[in-house]
């Protein structure tokens, strides 16, 4: 992993921690954590209550997590896995769900890219900003000029980073045609991998009995790279 990649991961993780702190102060953190850790149960309840509307709910969550820089805390990996496991019970059509969520992920990143392209500069207009610093913009422009395509694909599998990657790509003026190709590849790979994994494992009894622990493990493994980079950054 390059030094620039580490700086970006560390920055994304710091922003995530700040958002968690804000949620904690507002009293919403407990509810958010409860929803994420028991997302399988909540999805089952939503599916039973709203029927086919569950597809629209899943679409909205995936779109917001990938398309809005203010919602990186929404569950992505765990949501896809849990949705796949619930589809294994016959509550949803797994193939229709995967196709719909791939579209949501691709559109989300495209919107995020556009926001970064047209509004990103304004966010960095204040030279005294502690979060949106010009130095961060210069680093990311250089980073995306060299590793842009690979970043868009791999960032899909790293929480928080996947929310900010298309935004910064737009800010760094990556050609949209190039971004779009990698956006499609990353969106298909991310949604299909976690959803079909959930569908396959969801048919196993041991997974059904320990789904909460498995989802927690997925979350911890997903954020591990960002945690490692924070530790490394503190040592430098």
Protein backbone atom coordinates (compact mmCIF):
# COMPACT_ATOMS: atom_id res chain seq x y z
CA UNK A 1 0.00 0.00 0.00
CA UNK A 2 1.41 3.40 -1.02
CA UNK A 3 1.94 6.28 1.37
CA UNK A 4 -0.71 8.31 -0.46
CA UNK A 5 -3.20 5.48 -0.10
CA UNK A 6 -2.45 5.35 3.61
CA UNK A 7 -3.00 9.08 4.01
CA UNK A 8 -6.37 8.83 2.31
CA UNK A 9 -7.46 5.84 4.39
CA UNK A 10 -6.40 7.62 7.56
CA UNK A 11 -8.28 10.78 6.56
CA UNK A 12 -11.43 8.79 5.76
CA UNK A 13 -11.21 6.94 9.08
CA UNK A 14 -10.79 10.20 11.02
CA UNK A 15 -13.88 11.65 9.33
CA UNK A 16 -15.78 8.44 10.17
CA UNK A 17 -14.77 8.69 13.83
CA UNK A 18 -15.94 12.32 13.87
CA UNK A 19 -19.31 11.24 12.47
CA UNK A 20 -19.58 8.52 15.11
CA UNK A 21 -18.85 11.10 17.79
CA UNK A 22 -21.60 13.33 16.41
CA UNK A 23 -24.03 10.41 16.44
CA UNK A 24 -23.04 9.57 20.02
CA UNK A 25 -23.62 13.15 21.14
CA UNK A 26 -27.04 13.16 19.48
CA UNK A 27 -28.03 9.89 21.16
CA UNK A 28 -28.52 8.15 17.81
CA UNK A 29 -25.42 5.96 17.97
CA UNK A 30 -27.05 3.20 20.01
CA UNK A 31 -29.90 2.86 17.54
CA UNK A 32 -27.51 2.89 14.58
CA UNK A 33 -25.28 0.19 16.06
CA UNK A 34 -28.30 -1.91 17.01
CA UNK A 35 -29.62 -1.70 13.46
CA UNK A 36 -26.27 -2.71 11.94
CA UNK A 37 -25.63 -5.61 14.32
CA UNK A 38 -29.15 -6.98 13.93
CA UNK A 39 -29.65 -5.96 10.33
CA UNK A 40 -30.85 -9.44 9.37
CA UNK A 41 -33.74 -9.24 11.82
CA UNK A 42 -34.64 -5.71 10.76
CA UNK A 43 -34.58 -6.65 7.07
CA UNK A 44 -36.83 -9.63 7.76
CA UNK A 45 -39.28 -7.36 9.56
CA UNK A 46 -39.19 -4.80 6.74
CA UNK A 47 -39.69 -7.52 4.15
CA UNK A 48 -42.70 -8.91 6.01
CA UNK A 49 -44.18 -5.45 6.55
CA UNK A 50 -43.57 -3.82 3.17
CA UNK A 51 -43.36 -6.77 0.79
CA UNK A 52 -41.91 -5.78 -2.59
CA UNK A 53 -41.08 -2.32 -1.24
CA UNK A 54 -38.08 -3.92 0.47
CA UNK A 55 -36.30 -3.67 -2.88
CA UNK A 56 -36.81 0.11 -2.89
CA UNK A 57 -35.58 0.36 0.71
CA UNK A 58 -32.40 -1.59 -0.10
CA UNK A 59 -31.89 0.49 -3.24
CA UNK A 60 -32.16 3.71 -1.21
CA UNK A 61 -29.66 2.56 1.44
CA UNK A 62 -27.04 1.43 -1.10
CA UNK A 63 -27.52 4.60 -3.14
CA UNK A 64 -27.12 6.84 -0.08
CA UNK A 65 -24.04 5.00 1.20
CA UNK A 66 -22.27 5.29 -2.15
CA UNK A 67 -23.77 8.55 -3.40
CA UNK A 68 -23.74 10.88 -0.39
CA UNK A 69 -20.52 11.86 1.38
CA UNK A 70 -22.50 12.61 4.55
CA UNK A 71 -23.68 9.00 5.00
CA UNK A 72 -20.56 6.80 5.02
CA UNK A 73 -21.75 5.16 8.25
CA UNK A 74 -24.58 3.31 6.50
CA UNK A 75 -24.06 -0.46 6.34
CA UNK A 76 -22.91 -1.68 2.95
CA UNK A 77 -21.07 -5.00 3.11
CA UNK A 78 -23.16 -6.33 5.99
CA UNK A 79 -26.40 -5.14 4.36
CA UNK A 80 -25.62 -6.97 1.11
CA UNK A 81 -24.65 -10.15 2.94
CA UNK A 82 -27.74 -10.04 5.17
CA UNK A 83 -30.02 -9.30 2.21
CA UNK A 84 -28.55 -12.27 0.37
CA UNK A 85 -29.11 -14.57 3.35
CA UNK A 86 -32.72 -13.43 3.65
CA UNK A 87 -33.24 -13.98 -0.08
CA UNK A 88 -32.13 -17.57 0.52
CA UNK A 89 -35.27 -18.01 2.64
CA UNK A 90 -37.43 -17.11 -0.35
CA UNK A 91 -38.37 -13.61 0.82
CA UNK A 92 -36.76 -11.98 -2.23
CA UNK A 93 -35.59 -12.90 -5.70
CA UNK A 94 -31.81 -12.92 -5.33
CA UNK A 95 -31.07 -12.20 -9.00
CA UNK A 96 -33.52 -9.29 -9.22
CA UNK A 97 -32.15 -7.91 -5.96
CA UNK A 98 -28.53 -8.12 -7.12
CA UNK A 99 -29.33 -6.42 -10.43
CA UNK A 100 -31.23 -3.62 -8.69
CA UNK A 101 -28.51 -3.00 -6.10
CA UNK A 102 -25.78 -3.02 -8.76
CA UNK A 103 -27.70 -0.22 -10.48
CA UNK A 104 -28.01 1.62 -7.14
CA UNK A 105 -24.27 1.32 -6.48
CA UNK A 106 -23.33 2.52 -9.97
CA UNK A 107 -25.75 5.46 -9.91
CA UNK A 108 -24.63 6.36 -6.39
CA UNK A 109 -20.98 6.58 -7.37
CA UNK A 110 -21.88 8.53 -10.52
CA UNK A 111 -23.81 11.10 -8.47
CA UNK A 112 -20.98 11.28 -5.93
CA UNK A 113 -18.50 11.86 -8.77
CA UNK A 114 -20.65 14.70 -10.16
CA UNK A 115 -20.96 16.36 -6.74
CA UNK A 116 -17.20 16.20 -6.29
CA UNK A 117 -16.61 17.60 -9.76
CA UNK A 118 -18.99 20.55 -9.52
CA UNK A 119 -19.05 21.32 -5.79
CA UNK A 120 -15.79 19.87 -4.50
CA UNK A 121 -13.76 23.00 -5.19
CA UNK A 122 -16.19 25.09 -3.13
CA UNK A 123 -15.71 22.82 -0.14
CA UNK A 124 -11.97 23.47 -0.37
CA UNK A 125 -12.33 27.22 -0.93
CA UNK A 126 -11.79 28.03 2.74
CA UNK A 127 -8.00 27.96 3.34
CA UNK A 128 -8.58 27.73 7.11
CA UNK A 129 -10.76 24.60 6.95
CA UNK A 130 -9.39 21.84 9.20
CA UNK A 131 -11.07 19.05 7.25
CA UNK A 132 -11.25 20.21 3.62
CA UNK A 133 -7.65 21.33 3.19
CA UNK A 134 -6.11 22.29 -0.15
CA UNK A 135 -3.20 19.97 0.61
CA UNK A 136 -5.62 17.03 0.72
CA UNK A 137 -7.00 18.03 -2.68
CA UNK A 138 -3.52 18.23 -4.19
CA UNK A 139 -2.60 14.81 -2.80
CA UNK A 140 -5.76 13.18 -4.10
CA UNK A 141 -5.41 14.76 -7.55
CA UNK A 142 -1.90 13.32 -7.80
CA UNK A 143 -3.06 9.98 -6.43
CA UNK A 144 -5.96 9.60 -8.84
CA UNK A 145 -3.80 10.65 -11.79
CA UNK A 146 -1.68 7.57 -11.11
CA UNK A 147 -4.00 5.03 -9.46
CA UNK A 148 -7.51 6.28 -10.26
CA UNK A 149 -9.04 3.24 -11.91
CA UNK A 150 -7.71 0.72 -9.41
CA UNK A 151 -8.85 2.91 -6.54
CA UNK A 152 -12.45 3.11 -7.76
CA UNK A 153 -12.68 -0.69 -7.91
CA UNK A 154 -10.86 -1.57 -4.68
CA UNK A 155 -12.48 1.23 -2.67
CA UNK A 156 -15.81 -0.59 -3.06
CA UNK A 157 -14.59 -3.13 -0.52
CA UNK A 158 -13.41 -0.61 2.09
CA UNK A 159 -16.16 1.09 4.14
CA UNK A 160 -15.97 4.88 4.35
CA UNK A 161 -13.34 4.98 1.60
CA UNK A 162 -15.89 3.79 -0.98
CA UNK A 163 -18.07 6.78 -0.08
CA UNK A 164 -15.31 9.34 -0.55
CA UNK A 165 -13.43 7.78 -3.49
CA UNK A 166 -15.80 8.87 -6.31
CA UNK A 167 -16.16 12.32 -4.72
CA UNK A 168 -12.41 12.84 -4.76
CA UNK A 169 -12.16 11.36 -8.27
CA UNK A 170 -14.59 14.01 -9.47
CA UNK A 171 -12.68 16.68 -7.60
CA UNK A 172 -9.45 15.49 -9.17
CA UNK A 173 -10.97 15.82 -12.66
CA UNK A 174 -10.67 12.17 -13.65
CA UNK A 175 -12.14 11.63 -17.11
CA UNK A 176 -15.73 10.45 -16.67
CA UNK A 177 -15.42 7.76 -19.33
CA UNK A 178 -12.52 6.20 -17.43
CA UNK A 179 -14.31 6.55 -14.12
CA UNK A 180 -17.52 5.05 -15.52
CA UNK A 181 -15.81 1.87 -16.72
CA UNK A 182 -14.23 1.21 -13.34
CA UNK A 183 -17.44 2.23 -11.59
CA UNK A 184 -19.34 -0.51 -13.43
CA UNK A 185 -16.68 -3.15 -12.71
CA UNK A 186 -16.48 -2.21 -9.03
CA UNK A 187 -20.26 -1.99 -8.58
CA UNK A 188 -20.88 -5.40 -10.12
CA UNK A 189 -18.05 -7.08 -8.20
CA UNK A 190 -19.01 -5.58 -4.82
CA UNK A 191 -22.75 -6.21 -4.91
CA UNK A 192 -22.53 -9.65 -6.52
CA UNK A 193 -19.80 -10.92 -4.20
CA UNK A 194 -21.45 -10.02 -0.89
CA UNK A 195 -25.05 -10.72 -1.99
CA UNK A 196 -24.39 -14.13 -3.49
CA UNK A 197 -22.09 -15.03 -0.59
CA UNK A 198 -24.94 -14.21 1.78
CA UNK A 199 -27.34 -16.23 -0.37
CA UNK A 200 -25.08 -19.28 -0.41
CA UNK A 201 -24.06 -19.17 3.25
CA UNK A 202 -27.57 -18.22 4.31
CA UNK A 203 -28.73 -21.71 3.41
CA UNK A 204 -26.34 -23.21 5.98
CA UNK A 205 -27.80 -23.81 9.43
CA UNK A 206 -24.65 -22.76 11.30
CA UNK A 207 -24.74 -19.40 9.52
CA UNK A 208 -28.42 -18.89 10.31
CA UNK A 209 -27.71 -19.46 14.00
CA UNK A 210 -24.70 -17.12 14.14
CA UNK A 211 -25.54 -14.47 11.53
CA UNK A 212 -25.08 -11.54 13.94
CA UNK A 213 -21.53 -12.66 14.78
CA UNK A 214 -20.76 -13.17 11.10
CA UNK A 215 -22.01 -9.68 10.22
CA UNK A 216 -19.91 -8.22 13.04
CA UNK A 217 -16.86 -10.07 11.68
CA UNK A 218 -17.53 -8.68 8.20
CA UNK A 219 -17.71 -5.15 9.60
CA UNK A 220 -14.48 -5.54 11.59
CA UNK A 221 -12.56 -7.06 8.68
CA UNK A 222 -13.82 -4.32 6.37
CA UNK A 223 -12.65 -1.44 8.58
CA UNK A 224 -9.37 -3.13 9.56
CA UNK A 225 -7.32 -1.47 6.76
CA UNK A 226 -8.41 1.99 7.88
CA UNK A 227 -7.56 1.20 11.52
CA UNK A 228 -4.10 -0.06 10.52
CA UNK A 229 -3.44 3.10 8.52
CA UNK A 230 -4.43 5.31 11.47
CA UNK A 231 -1.93 3.46 13.67
CA UNK A 232 0.78 3.77 11.03
CA UNK A 233 0.04 7.45 10.51
CA UNK A 234 0.39 8.11 14.25
CA UNK A 235 3.82 6.46 14.26
CA UNK A 236 5.16 8.54 11.36
